[in-house]
Amino acid sequence: MAMCQIKSLSSIMTTKDAVTVVARRTFAAAAGKAKKGKGGSAADGPKASMLSKEVKSSTVVGANILKDGADPKVLPDSECPDWLWHLLDKRTALSELRRKNIETLPYEDLKRFVKLDTRARIRENNSEKAKN
């Protein structure tokens, strides 16, 4: 029976199709391990870090991208750039910027207004085109 199916497949497939079928990669369960249900066991979760608290607090663990490099050290707050402390500041929304007088907006807010307004108009135009 299996030979009949193989013969019928070989007559249908071209050489390129046969290569893709043969080259398809599959993963088998490891030998000697039973299949687990959904979620696995607690032992399959991420392993606890073996680093001491000292090392974790003095270095940025996992930030090294170089093969031969080491993780960078954490700098004191006085050595960090000023812009770093403003990354998480709340920025004004488009609705608030529309309510304000455009003539009196600072340059950064004006830039943000133009960007957000353009994005909103593009979104409106795309939704109108999608309805038609």
Protein backbone atom coordinates (compact mmCIF):
# COMPACT_ATOMS: atom_id res chain seq x y z
CA MET A 1 0.00 0.00 0.00
CA ALA A 2 2.75 2.45 0.93
CA MET A 3 4.60 1.66 -2.29
CA CYS A 4 1.50 2.55 -4.34
CA GLN A 5 1.25 5.93 -2.61
CA ILE A 6 4.93 6.64 -3.18
CA LYS A 7 4.62 5.79 -6.87
CA SER A 8 1.61 8.05 -7.26
CA LEU A 9 3.43 10.87 -5.46
CA SER A 10 6.55 10.48 -7.57
CA SER A 11 4.54 10.80 -10.76
CA ILE A 12 2.91 14.02 -9.52
CA MET A 13 5.93 15.74 -7.97
CA THR A 14 8.59 17.56 -9.92
CA THR A 15 12.23 17.47 -8.90
CA LYS A 16 11.96 20.81 -7.08
CA ASP A 17 8.96 19.62 -5.05
CA ALA A 18 10.74 16.42 -4.12
CA VAL A 19 13.73 18.37 -2.83
CA THR A 20 11.52 20.55 -0.65
CA VAL A 21 9.72 17.52 0.76
CA VAL A 22 13.00 15.72 1.51
CA ALA A 23 14.68 18.86 2.89
CA ARG A 24 11.85 19.65 5.31
CA ARG A 25 13.18 19.76 8.85
CA THR A 26 11.29 18.17 11.70
CA PHE A 27 12.00 18.01 15.39
CA ALA A 28 11.56 14.80 17.31
CA ALA A 29 11.10 14.40 21.03
CA ALA A 30 14.30 13.61 22.91
CA ALA A 31 14.86 9.90 23.42
CA GLY A 32 13.82 8.58 26.81
CA LYS A 33 11.65 11.57 27.72
CA ALA A 34 7.90 11.25 27.90
CA LYS A 35 5.69 13.81 26.24
CA LYS A 36 4.31 16.43 28.57
CA GLY A 37 0.96 18.12 28.58
CA LYS A 38 0.39 21.81 28.06
CA GLY A 39 2.83 24.03 29.87
CA GLY A 40 5.32 21.33 30.85
CA SER A 41 6.66 21.08 34.36
CA ALA A 42 8.17 23.68 36.63
CA ALA A 43 11.65 22.37 35.80
CA ASP A 44 11.18 23.48 32.17
CA GLY A 45 10.88 27.16 33.14
CA PRO A 46 13.72 29.65 33.11
CA LYS A 47 16.59 28.72 35.33
CA ALA A 48 17.41 30.90 38.34
CA SER A 49 20.45 33.06 37.78
CA MET A 50 23.63 31.91 39.46
CA LEU A 51 24.97 35.47 39.73
CA SER A 52 25.37 37.06 43.11
CA LYS A 53 23.40 40.15 44.10
CA GLU A 54 26.67 42.11 44.13
CA VAL A 55 27.32 41.40 40.46
CA LYS A 56 23.70 42.10 39.49
CA SER A 57 23.75 45.52 41.13
CA SER A 58 27.12 46.61 39.72
CA THR A 59 26.86 45.40 36.09
CA VAL A 60 24.26 45.47 33.34
CA VAL A 61 23.87 41.72 32.89
CA GLY A 62 23.18 40.64 29.31
CA ALA A 63 24.01 44.00 27.67
CA ASN A 64 27.26 42.77 26.12
CA ILE A 65 26.96 42.31 22.36
CA LEU A 66 30.61 41.61 21.62
CA LYS A 67 32.06 38.11 21.53
CA ASP A 68 35.14 38.97 23.59
CA GLY A 69 33.63 41.83 25.60
CA ALA A 70 32.31 42.00 29.12
CA ASP A 71 29.05 43.35 30.52
CA PRO A 72 29.24 47.13 31.11
CA LYS A 73 29.39 48.51 34.63
CA VAL A 74 26.51 50.54 36.06
CA LEU A 75 27.48 54.22 36.24
CA PRO A 76 26.52 56.54 39.08
CA ASP A 77 23.64 58.94 38.39
CA SER A 78 25.99 61.91 38.11
CA GLU A 79 27.76 60.35 35.09
CA CYS A 80 24.55 59.57 33.14
CA PRO A 81 23.45 62.02 30.40
CA ASP A 82 20.64 64.49 31.13
CA TRP A 83 18.32 63.18 28.39
CA LEU A 84 18.19 59.78 30.09
CA TRP A 85 16.11 61.13 32.96
CA HIS A 86 13.43 62.49 30.59
CA LEU A 87 12.77 59.30 28.59
CA LEU A 88 9.78 58.29 30.70
CA ASP A 89 8.19 61.75 30.93
CA LYS A 90 4.59 61.94 29.74
CA ARG A 91 4.23 63.70 26.40
CA THR A 92 1.22 65.77 25.40
CA ALA A 93 -1.47 64.05 23.36
CA LEU A 94 -2.65 65.25 19.94
CA SER A 95 -6.00 66.38 21.33
CA GLU A 96 -4.25 68.65 23.84
CA LEU A 97 -1.91 70.02 21.19
CA ARG A 98 -4.90 70.83 18.94
CA ARG A 99 -6.50 72.85 21.76
CA LYS A 100 -3.41 75.00 22.22
CA ASN A 101 -2.41 77.93 20.03
CA ILE A 102 0.03 76.62 17.40
CA GLU A 103 1.82 79.97 17.25
CA THR A 104 2.91 79.75 20.88
CA LEU A 105 4.01 76.10 20.98
CA PRO A 106 7.69 75.36 21.64
CA TYR A 107 9.59 73.80 18.75
CA GLU A 108 9.56 70.24 20.17
CA ASP A 109 5.80 70.35 20.74
CA LEU A 110 5.24 71.81 17.28
CA LYS A 111 7.27 69.00 15.74
CA ARG A 112 5.25 66.45 17.69
CA PHE A 113 1.97 68.11 16.65
CA VAL A 114 2.88 67.96 12.95
CA LYS A 115 3.92 64.32 13.23
CA LEU A 116 0.81 63.20 15.10
CA ASP A 117 -1.54 65.28 12.95
CA THR A 118 -0.07 63.85 9.75
CA ARG A 119 -0.35 60.33 11.14
CA ALA A 120 -4.02 60.92 12.08
CA ARG A 121 -4.89 62.33 8.63
CA ILE A 122 -3.23 59.37 6.89
CA ARG A 123 -5.17 56.98 9.13
CA GLU A 124 -8.45 58.77 8.27
CA ASN A 125 -7.74 58.68 4.53
CA ASN A 126 -6.87 54.99 4.66
CA SER A 127 -10.05 54.15 6.54
CA GLU A 128 -12.15 56.11 4.02
CA LYS A 129 -10.50 54.28 1.11
CA ALA A 130 -11.09 50.94 2.83
CA LYS A 131 -14.82 51.68 3.16
CA ASN A 132 -15.20 52.34 -0.59
